[in-house]
Amino acid sequence: MKKIFKEFNTLDKSVLHIMKPCLKFSYFLLIFATVVLFTYEIFYAIPNLFYIGISLFSSSLYFIVACLICGLSFNKIKKELKQ
């Protein structure tokens, strides 16, 4: 676990510059999915809201994980090319 945190702390500036908008977009998508699910919680009349909210929620979580994995792998490739 410490090794992963160390990798995040040593990210290259250009990789970090690319990862930030990706993470911001996925967090906004996650917040939107939470709002949709909260709306479904208030109004049970529309069952499609639940499926839309769950789909958006899971998609945004997968997008966050993919962004982090791609950022770490690009950083590792960039370090190996410098050597």
N, C-alpha and C. Protein backbone atom coordinates (compact mmCIF):
# COMPACT_ATOMS: atom_id res chain seq x y z
N MET A 1 0.82 -1.19 0.00
CA MET A 1 0.00 0.00 0.00
C MET A 1 0.87 1.25 0.00
N LYS A 2 1.95 1.20 0.77
CA LYS A 2 2.86 2.34 0.81
C LYS A 2 3.51 2.57 -0.56
N LYS A 3 3.75 1.48 -1.27
CA LYS A 3 4.37 1.60 -2.60
C LYS A 3 3.43 2.32 -3.57
N ILE A 4 2.14 2.04 -3.47
CA ILE A 4 1.17 2.70 -4.35
C ILE A 4 1.09 4.19 -4.04
N PHE A 5 1.06 4.54 -2.75
CA PHE A 5 1.03 5.95 -2.38
C PHE A 5 2.31 6.66 -2.80
N LYS A 6 3.43 5.95 -2.75
CA LYS A 6 4.69 6.53 -3.19
C LYS A 6 4.66 6.80 -4.70
N GLU A 7 4.05 5.89 -5.45
CA GLU A 7 3.91 6.08 -6.90
C GLU A 7 3.05 7.31 -7.21
N PHE A 8 1.97 7.49 -6.46
CA PHE A 8 1.12 8.65 -6.68
C PHE A 8 1.83 9.95 -6.33
N ASN A 9 2.69 9.91 -5.32
CA ASN A 9 3.41 11.13 -4.93
C ASN A 9 4.51 11.48 -5.92
N THR A 10 5.00 10.52 -6.68
CA THR A 10 6.08 10.78 -7.62
C THR A 10 5.60 10.86 -9.07
N LEU A 11 4.33 11.17 -9.27
CA LEU A 11 3.81 11.29 -10.63
C LEU A 11 4.44 12.49 -11.34
N ASP A 12 4.70 12.31 -12.62
CA ASP A 12 5.24 13.38 -13.44
C ASP A 12 4.18 14.47 -13.62
N LYS A 13 4.63 15.70 -13.77
CA LYS A 13 3.70 16.83 -13.88
C LYS A 13 2.81 16.73 -15.11
N SER A 14 3.35 16.26 -16.22
CA SER A 14 2.54 16.16 -17.43
C SER A 14 1.47 15.07 -17.31
N VAL A 15 1.81 13.97 -16.66
CA VAL A 15 0.83 12.91 -16.44
C VAL A 15 -0.24 13.38 -15.47
N LEU A 16 0.17 14.08 -14.45
CA LEU A 16 -0.77 14.62 -13.47
C LEU A 16 -1.69 15.66 -14.11
N HIS A 17 -1.14 16.43 -15.03
CA HIS A 17 -1.93 17.44 -15.75
C HIS A 17 -3.01 16.79 -16.61
N ILE A 18 -2.74 15.61 -17.13
CA ILE A 18 -3.71 14.89 -17.93
C ILE A 18 -4.74 14.19 -17.04
N MET A 19 -4.30 13.70 -15.88
CA MET A 19 -5.19 12.95 -15.00
C MET A 19 -6.21 13.84 -14.28
N LYS A 20 -5.86 15.06 -13.98
CA LYS A 20 -6.76 15.93 -13.21
C LYS A 20 -8.10 16.17 -13.87
N PRO A 21 -8.16 16.56 -15.16
CA PRO A 21 -9.49 16.76 -15.78
C PRO A 21 -10.31 15.46 -15.85
N CYS A 22 -9.61 14.37 -16.08
CA CYS A 22 -10.28 13.08 -16.14
C CYS A 22 -10.93 12.75 -14.79
N LEU A 23 -10.20 12.95 -13.71
CA LEU A 23 -10.74 12.69 -12.38
C LEU A 23 -11.86 13.67 -12.01
N LYS A 24 -11.70 14.93 -12.39
CA LYS A 24 -12.76 15.91 -12.11
C LYS A 24 -14.05 15.55 -12.83
N PHE A 25 -13.94 15.16 -14.09
CA PHE A 25 -15.13 14.76 -14.85
C PHE A 25 -15.81 13.56 -14.21
N SER A 26 -15.03 12.58 -13.80
CA SER A 26 -15.63 11.39 -13.22
C SER A 26 -16.24 11.68 -11.85
N TYR A 27 -15.67 12.60 -11.08
CA TYR A 27 -16.27 12.97 -9.81
C TYR A 27 -17.59 13.71 -10.02
N PHE A 28 -17.65 14.60 -11.02
CA PHE A 28 -18.90 15.28 -11.32
C PHE A 28 -19.96 14.29 -11.79
N LEU A 29 -19.55 13.30 -12.57
CA LEU A 29 -20.46 12.25 -13.00
C LEU A 29 -20.95 11.43 -11.81
N LEU A 30 -20.07 11.19 -10.86
CA LEU A 30 -20.43 10.46 -9.65
C LEU A 30 -21.43 11.25 -8.80
N ILE A 31 -21.22 12.55 -8.69
CA ILE A 31 -22.15 13.40 -7.95
C ILE A 31 -23.51 13.44 -8.65
N PHE A 32 -23.50 13.53 -9.97
CA PHE A 32 -24.75 13.53 -10.73
C PHE A 32 -25.50 12.22 -10.53
N ALA A 33 -24.78 11.10 -10.53
CA ALA A 33 -25.42 9.80 -10.30
C ALA A 33 -26.01 9.72 -8.90
N THR A 34 -25.33 10.31 -7.92
CA THR A 34 -25.85 10.34 -6.56
C THR A 34 -27.13 11.17 -6.48
N VAL A 35 -27.16 12.28 -7.21
CA VAL A 35 -28.36 13.12 -7.24
C VAL A 35 -29.52 12.36 -7.90
N VAL A 36 -29.23 11.64 -8.95
CA VAL A 36 -30.28 10.86 -9.62
C VAL A 36 -30.81 9.78 -8.68
N LEU A 37 -29.91 9.11 -7.96
CA LEU A 37 -30.36 8.08 -7.02
C LEU A 37 -31.14 8.69 -5.85
N PHE A 38 -30.74 9.87 -5.42
CA PHE A 38 -31.48 10.55 -4.36
C PHE A 38 -32.87 10.95 -4.84
N THR A 39 -32.97 11.37 -6.08
CA THR A 39 -34.26 11.71 -6.66
C THR A 39 -35.15 10.48 -6.72
N TYR A 40 -34.56 9.34 -7.06
CA TYR A 40 -35.34 8.10 -7.07
C TYR A 40 -35.81 7.76 -5.65
N GLU A 41 -34.98 8.02 -4.66
CA GLU A 41 -35.34 7.74 -3.27
C GLU A 41 -36.55 8.57 -2.84
N ILE A 42 -36.63 9.80 -3.34
CA ILE A 42 -37.76 10.66 -2.98
C ILE A 42 -39.02 10.28 -3.76
N PHE A 43 -38.88 10.07 -5.06
CA PHE A 43 -40.03 9.74 -5.92
C PHE A 43 -39.89 8.29 -6.38
N TYR A 44 -40.64 7.39 -5.78
CA TYR A 44 -40.59 5.98 -6.19
C TYR A 44 -41.35 5.71 -7.48
N ALA A 45 -41.99 6.72 -8.03
CA ALA A 45 -42.87 6.53 -9.18
C ALA A 45 -42.12 6.20 -10.46
N ILE A 46 -40.84 6.56 -10.54
CA ILE A 46 -40.09 6.36 -11.78
C ILE A 46 -38.98 5.33 -11.54
N PRO A 47 -39.21 4.06 -11.84
CA PRO A 47 -38.19 3.04 -11.58
C PRO A 47 -36.98 3.13 -12.51
N ASN A 48 -37.14 3.79 -13.66
CA ASN A 48 -36.00 3.93 -14.57
C ASN A 48 -34.90 4.80 -13.97
N LEU A 49 -35.26 5.70 -13.06
CA LEU A 49 -34.26 6.54 -12.40
C LEU A 49 -33.25 5.69 -11.63
N PHE A 50 -33.72 4.61 -11.04
CA PHE A 50 -32.83 3.74 -10.29
C PHE A 50 -31.79 3.11 -11.22
N TYR A 51 -32.24 2.59 -12.34
CA TYR A 51 -31.32 1.94 -13.27
C TYR A 51 -30.36 2.94 -13.90
N ILE A 52 -30.84 4.13 -14.20
CA ILE A 52 -29.97 5.18 -14.75
C ILE A 52 -28.94 5.58 -13.71
N GLY A 53 -29.37 5.78 -12.47
CA GLY A 53 -28.45 6.18 -11.40
C GLY A 53 -27.40 5.13 -11.11
N ILE A 54 -27.80 3.88 -11.03
CA ILE A 54 -26.84 2.80 -10.76
C ILE A 54 -25.86 2.66 -11.92
N SER A 55 -26.35 2.78 -13.14
CA SER A 55 -25.46 2.68 -14.31
C SER A 55 -24.44 3.82 -14.32
N LEU A 56 -24.90 5.04 -14.06
CA LEU A 56 -23.98 6.18 -14.02
C LEU A 56 -22.98 6.04 -12.88
N PHE A 57 -23.45 5.56 -11.73
CA PHE A 57 -22.59 5.40 -10.57
C PHE A 57 -21.48 4.39 -10.84
N SER A 58 -21.85 3.24 -11.37
CA SER A 58 -20.83 2.22 -11.64
C SER A 58 -19.89 2.65 -12.77
N SER A 59 -20.43 3.31 -13.78
CA SER A 59 -19.59 3.79 -14.88
C SER A 59 -18.57 4.82 -14.40
N SER A 60 -19.01 5.71 -13.54
CA SER A 60 -18.07 6.73 -13.04
C SER A 60 -17.00 6.12 -12.15
N LEU A 61 -17.36 5.11 -11.35
CA LEU A 61 -16.33 4.44 -10.54
C LEU A 61 -15.32 3.71 -11.41
N TYR A 62 -15.81 3.04 -12.45
CA TYR A 62 -14.89 2.37 -13.38
C TYR A 62 -14.01 3.38 -14.10
N PHE A 63 -14.56 4.52 -14.43
CA PHE A 63 -13.79 5.57 -15.11
C PHE A 63 -12.70 6.12 -14.20
N ILE A 64 -12.99 6.28 -12.91
CA ILE A 64 -11.98 6.73 -11.95
C ILE A 64 -10.84 5.72 -11.87
N VAL A 65 -11.19 4.46 -11.75
CA VAL A 65 -10.17 3.42 -11.63
C VAL A 65 -9.34 3.33 -12.91
N ALA A 66 -9.98 3.41 -14.07
CA ALA A 66 -9.26 3.36 -15.33
C ALA A 66 -8.32 4.55 -15.48
N CYS A 67 -8.76 5.72 -15.06
CA CYS A 67 -7.93 6.92 -15.13
C CYS A 67 -6.70 6.77 -14.24
N LEU A 68 -6.88 6.26 -13.04
CA LEU A 68 -5.75 6.08 -12.12
C LEU A 68 -4.77 5.04 -12.64
N ILE A 69 -5.28 3.93 -13.15
CA ILE A 69 -4.41 2.88 -13.66
C ILE A 69 -3.65 3.36 -14.89
N CYS A 70 -4.34 4.05 -15.80
CA CYS A 70 -3.66 4.57 -17.00
C CYS A 70 -2.63 5.63 -16.63
N GLY A 71 -2.93 6.47 -15.67
CA GLY A 71 -1.96 7.48 -15.24
C GLY A 71 -0.71 6.85 -14.64
N LEU A 72 -0.90 5.84 -13.80
CA LEU A 72 0.26 5.16 -13.22
C LEU A 72 1.08 4.43 -14.27
N SER A 73 0.39 3.80 -15.23
CA SER A 73 1.13 3.08 -16.26
C SER A 73 1.87 4.03 -17.20
N PHE A 74 1.26 5.16 -17.56
CA PHE A 74 1.95 6.14 -18.40
C PHE A 74 3.16 6.72 -17.67
N ASN A 75 3.01 6.94 -16.37
CA ASN A 75 4.12 7.45 -15.59
C ASN A 75 5.28 6.45 -15.57
N LYS A 76 4.95 5.17 -15.42
CA LYS A 76 5.99 4.14 -15.40
C LYS A 76 6.67 4.01 -16.76
N ILE A 77 5.89 4.08 -17.84
CA ILE A 77 6.47 4.03 -19.18
C ILE A 77 7.38 5.22 -19.42
N LYS A 78 6.94 6.39 -18.99
CA LYS A 78 7.75 7.60 -19.18
C LYS A 78 9.06 7.52 -18.40
N LYS A 79 9.02 6.97 -17.19
CA LYS A 79 10.24 6.79 -16.41
C LYS A 79 11.19 5.80 -17.06
N GLU A 80 10.65 4.72 -17.62
CA GLU A 80 11.49 3.72 -18.26
C GLU A 80 12.10 4.24 -19.56
N LEU A 81 11.41 5.12 -20.25
CA LEU A 81 11.98 5.68 -21.48
C LEU A 81 13.10 6.65 -21.20
N LYS A 82 13.08 7.29 -20.03
CA LYS A 82 14.15 8.22 -19.68
C LYS A 82 15.45 7.48 -19.37
N GLN A 83 15.34 6.23 -18.94
CA GLN A 83 16.55 5.48 -18.56
C GLN A 83 17.32 4.99 -19.74
